[in-house]
């Protein structure tokens, strides 16, 4: 099949440009414990873990929440 490489190139996924301010702002956006509980990004088990380990008042980035989940899964939670 000739030319299939060109057609496949159209479907390659473009990675987000982390230098763009809107991408950085989204990565730095903070959420409350209640917002994580309503999120569709996390599984039911991950939401349960976050409910157990996150404090009510502070807010957390998605990366921080994922780190708390990973620490809990590794048995490092306090």
N, C-alpha and C. Protein backbone atom coordinates (compact mmCIF):
# COMPACT_ATOMS: atom_id res chain seq x y z
N UNK A 1 0.84 -1.18 0.00
CA UNK A 1 0.00 0.00 0.00
C UNK A 1 0.88 1.24 0.00
N UNK A 2 0.79 1.98 -1.04
CA UNK A 2 1.58 3.20 -1.15
C UNK A 2 0.92 4.33 -0.39
N UNK A 3 1.73 5.19 0.16
CA UNK A 3 1.24 6.42 0.77
C UNK A 3 0.57 6.25 2.13
N UNK A 4 0.58 5.07 2.67
CA UNK A 4 -0.09 4.87 3.97
C UNK A 4 0.64 5.60 5.09
N UNK A 5 1.96 5.76 4.96
CA UNK A 5 2.71 6.48 5.98
C UNK A 5 2.25 7.92 6.12
N UNK A 6 1.96 8.56 5.00
CA UNK A 6 1.47 9.93 5.04
C UNK A 6 0.11 10.02 5.69
N UNK A 7 -0.73 9.04 5.42
CA UNK A 7 -2.07 9.04 6.02
C UNK A 7 -1.98 8.82 7.52
N UNK A 8 -1.08 7.96 7.96
CA UNK A 8 -0.94 7.71 9.39
C UNK A 8 -0.37 8.91 10.12
N UNK A 9 0.45 9.70 9.42
CA UNK A 9 1.04 10.88 10.05
C UNK A 9 -0.04 11.87 10.47
N UNK A 10 -1.16 11.87 9.76
CA UNK A 10 -2.25 12.79 10.10
C UNK A 10 -2.86 12.44 11.45
N UNK A 11 -2.73 11.19 11.87
CA UNK A 11 -3.40 10.73 13.07
C UNK A 11 -2.48 10.64 14.29
N UNK A 12 -1.27 11.13 14.16
CA UNK A 12 -0.39 11.09 15.32
C UNK A 12 -0.86 12.09 16.35
N UNK A 13 -0.77 11.69 17.60
CA UNK A 13 -1.23 12.52 18.70
C UNK A 13 -0.20 13.60 19.00
N UNK A 14 -0.66 14.83 19.03
CA UNK A 14 0.22 15.93 19.35
C UNK A 14 0.25 16.10 20.87
N UNK A 15 1.45 16.11 21.42
CA UNK A 15 1.61 16.31 22.86
C UNK A 15 1.33 17.76 23.21
N UNK A 16 0.73 18.02 24.37
CA UNK A 16 0.48 19.41 24.74
C UNK A 16 1.79 20.16 24.96
N UNK A 17 1.78 21.42 24.58
CA UNK A 17 2.95 22.26 24.75
C UNK A 17 2.96 22.79 26.17
N UNK A 18 3.83 22.25 27.01
CA UNK A 18 3.87 22.63 28.42
C UNK A 18 4.36 24.05 28.63
N UNK A 19 4.90 24.67 27.59
CA UNK A 19 5.37 26.04 27.72
C UNK A 19 4.22 27.03 27.61
N UNK A 20 3.08 26.60 27.10
CA UNK A 20 1.94 27.49 26.96
C UNK A 20 1.36 27.80 28.34
N UNK A 21 1.03 29.06 28.60
CA UNK A 21 0.53 29.43 29.93
C UNK A 21 -0.74 28.71 30.34
N UNK A 22 -1.68 28.46 29.41
CA UNK A 22 -2.92 27.81 29.80
C UNK A 22 -2.70 26.36 30.24
N UNK A 23 -1.73 25.69 29.67
CA UNK A 23 -1.41 24.33 30.08
C UNK A 23 -0.77 24.34 31.46
N UNK A 24 0.15 25.28 31.69
CA UNK A 24 0.79 25.38 33.00
C UNK A 24 -0.23 25.77 34.06
N UNK A 25 -1.14 26.67 33.72
CA UNK A 25 -2.15 27.09 34.68
C UNK A 25 -3.03 25.92 35.06
N UNK A 26 -3.41 25.09 34.09
CA UNK A 26 -4.25 23.93 34.38
C UNK A 26 -3.51 22.94 35.28
N UNK A 27 -2.21 22.77 35.05
CA UNK A 27 -1.41 21.86 35.87
C UNK A 27 -1.25 22.38 37.29
N UNK A 28 -1.30 23.69 37.46
CA UNK A 28 -1.11 24.29 38.78
C UNK A 28 -2.42 24.58 39.49
N UNK A 29 -3.54 24.33 38.84
CA UNK A 29 -4.83 24.61 39.45
C UNK A 29 -5.04 23.70 40.65
N UNK A 30 -5.60 24.27 41.71
CA UNK A 30 -5.79 23.50 42.95
C UNK A 30 -7.27 23.22 43.18
N UNK A 31 -7.53 22.07 43.79
CA UNK A 31 -8.89 21.62 44.03
C UNK A 31 -9.06 21.22 45.49
N UNK A 32 -10.29 21.30 45.96
CA UNK A 32 -10.59 20.91 47.33
C UNK A 32 -10.84 19.40 47.40
N UNK A 33 -10.86 18.90 48.61
CA UNK A 33 -11.16 17.48 48.85
C UNK A 33 -12.52 17.12 48.26
N UNK A 34 -13.50 18.01 48.42
CA UNK A 34 -14.85 17.76 47.89
C UNK A 34 -14.85 17.70 46.36
N UNK A 35 -14.04 18.54 45.73
CA UNK A 35 -13.97 18.52 44.27
C UNK A 35 -13.36 17.22 43.76
N UNK A 36 -12.37 16.70 44.46
CA UNK A 36 -11.80 15.41 44.06
C UNK A 36 -12.83 14.29 44.22
N UNK A 37 -13.68 14.39 45.22
CA UNK A 37 -14.71 13.37 45.44
C UNK A 37 -15.70 13.33 44.29
N UNK A 38 -15.92 14.47 43.64
CA UNK A 38 -16.87 14.55 42.52
C UNK A 38 -16.21 14.34 41.16
N UNK A 39 -14.90 14.28 41.13
CA UNK A 39 -14.15 14.18 39.89
C UNK A 39 -14.40 12.87 39.16
N UNK A 40 -14.43 12.95 37.84
CA UNK A 40 -14.56 11.74 37.02
C UNK A 40 -13.19 11.22 36.60
N UNK A 41 -12.15 11.95 36.97
CA UNK A 41 -10.79 11.56 36.59
C UNK A 41 -10.25 10.41 37.44
N UNK A 42 -10.81 10.24 38.64
CA UNK A 42 -10.33 9.22 39.55
C UNK A 42 -11.33 8.08 39.67
N UNK A 43 -10.80 6.88 39.92
CA UNK A 43 -11.66 5.72 40.14
C UNK A 43 -12.29 5.82 41.52
N UNK A 44 -13.26 4.97 41.79
CA UNK A 44 -13.93 4.96 43.10
C UNK A 44 -12.92 4.69 44.22
N UNK A 45 -12.01 3.76 43.99
CA UNK A 45 -11.00 3.43 44.99
C UNK A 45 -10.07 4.62 45.23
N UNK A 46 -9.65 5.30 44.17
CA UNK A 46 -8.78 6.46 44.33
C UNK A 46 -9.50 7.58 45.08
N UNK A 47 -10.78 7.77 44.81
CA UNK A 47 -11.57 8.76 45.54
C UNK A 47 -11.65 8.41 47.03
N UNK A 48 -11.81 7.14 47.33
CA UNK A 48 -11.85 6.70 48.73
C UNK A 48 -10.52 6.98 49.43
N UNK A 49 -9.42 6.74 48.72
CA UNK A 49 -8.10 7.01 49.29
C UNK A 49 -7.95 8.50 49.55
N UNK A 50 -8.33 9.32 48.58
CA UNK A 50 -8.22 10.77 48.75
C UNK A 50 -9.09 11.25 49.90
N UNK A 51 -10.27 10.67 50.04
CA UNK A 51 -11.17 11.05 51.14
C UNK A 51 -10.51 10.76 52.49
N UNK A 52 -9.71 9.71 52.53
CA UNK A 52 -9.07 9.32 53.78
C UNK A 52 -7.81 10.13 54.09
N UNK A 53 -7.05 10.52 53.06
CA UNK A 53 -5.75 11.12 53.32
C UNK A 53 -5.71 12.64 53.18
N UNK A 54 -6.62 13.24 52.42
CA UNK A 54 -6.57 14.69 52.23
C UNK A 54 -7.26 15.41 53.38
N UNK A 55 -6.76 16.58 53.69
CA UNK A 55 -7.37 17.42 54.72
C UNK A 55 -8.50 18.24 54.10
N UNK A 56 -9.43 18.70 54.93
CA UNK A 56 -10.60 19.45 54.43
C UNK A 56 -10.24 20.82 53.87
N UNK A 57 -9.45 21.59 54.58
CA UNK A 57 -9.23 22.99 54.22
C UNK A 57 -8.24 23.24 53.09
N UNK A 58 -7.07 22.62 53.08
CA UNK A 58 -6.13 22.94 52.00
C UNK A 58 -6.65 22.50 50.64
N UNK A 59 -6.07 23.07 49.61
CA UNK A 59 -6.37 22.63 48.25
C UNK A 59 -5.13 21.95 47.69
N UNK A 60 -5.34 21.12 46.68
CA UNK A 60 -4.27 20.30 46.13
C UNK A 60 -4.30 20.34 44.61
N UNK A 61 -3.13 20.24 43.98
CA UNK A 61 -3.07 20.09 42.53
C UNK A 61 -3.35 18.63 42.19
N UNK A 62 -3.61 18.36 40.93
CA UNK A 62 -3.82 16.97 40.50
C UNK A 62 -2.58 16.13 40.79
N UNK A 63 -1.42 16.72 40.55
CA UNK A 63 -0.17 15.99 40.80
C UNK A 63 -0.02 15.65 42.28
N UNK A 64 -0.35 16.59 43.16
CA UNK A 64 -0.26 16.33 44.59
C UNK A 64 -1.23 15.23 45.00
N UNK A 65 -2.44 15.25 44.45
CA UNK A 65 -3.42 14.21 44.77
C UNK A 65 -2.93 12.85 44.31
N UNK A 66 -2.35 12.79 43.11
CA UNK A 66 -1.82 11.52 42.61
C UNK A 66 -0.66 11.04 43.47
N UNK A 67 0.15 11.97 43.98
CA UNK A 67 1.25 11.59 44.87
C UNK A 67 0.71 11.01 46.17
N UNK A 68 -0.36 11.59 46.70
CA UNK A 68 -0.97 11.05 47.93
C UNK A 68 -1.51 9.65 47.69
N UNK A 69 -2.12 9.42 46.54
CA UNK A 69 -2.64 8.09 46.21
C UNK A 69 -1.48 7.10 46.14
N UNK A 70 -0.41 7.49 45.45
CA UNK A 70 0.75 6.60 45.29
C UNK A 70 1.39 6.29 46.63
N UNK A 71 1.52 7.29 47.49
CA UNK A 71 2.11 7.06 48.81
C UNK A 71 1.24 6.10 49.61
N UNK A 72 -0.06 6.27 49.52
CA UNK A 72 -0.97 5.38 50.25
C UNK A 72 -0.83 3.95 49.73
N UNK A 73 -0.78 3.80 48.42
CA UNK A 73 -0.67 2.48 47.81
C UNK A 73 0.65 1.80 48.18
N UNK A 74 1.68 2.61 48.39
CA UNK A 74 2.99 2.08 48.76
C UNK A 74 3.14 1.90 50.27
N UNK A 75 2.08 2.21 51.01
CA UNK A 75 2.12 2.04 52.45
C UNK A 75 2.84 3.14 53.19
N UNK A 76 3.00 4.30 52.53
CA UNK A 76 3.73 5.39 53.12
C UNK A 76 2.82 6.44 53.75
N UNK A 77 1.53 6.24 53.71
CA UNK A 77 0.62 7.23 54.25
C UNK A 77 0.74 7.30 55.77
N UNK A 78 0.51 8.48 56.30
CA UNK A 78 0.62 8.67 57.75
C UNK A 78 -0.74 8.60 58.40
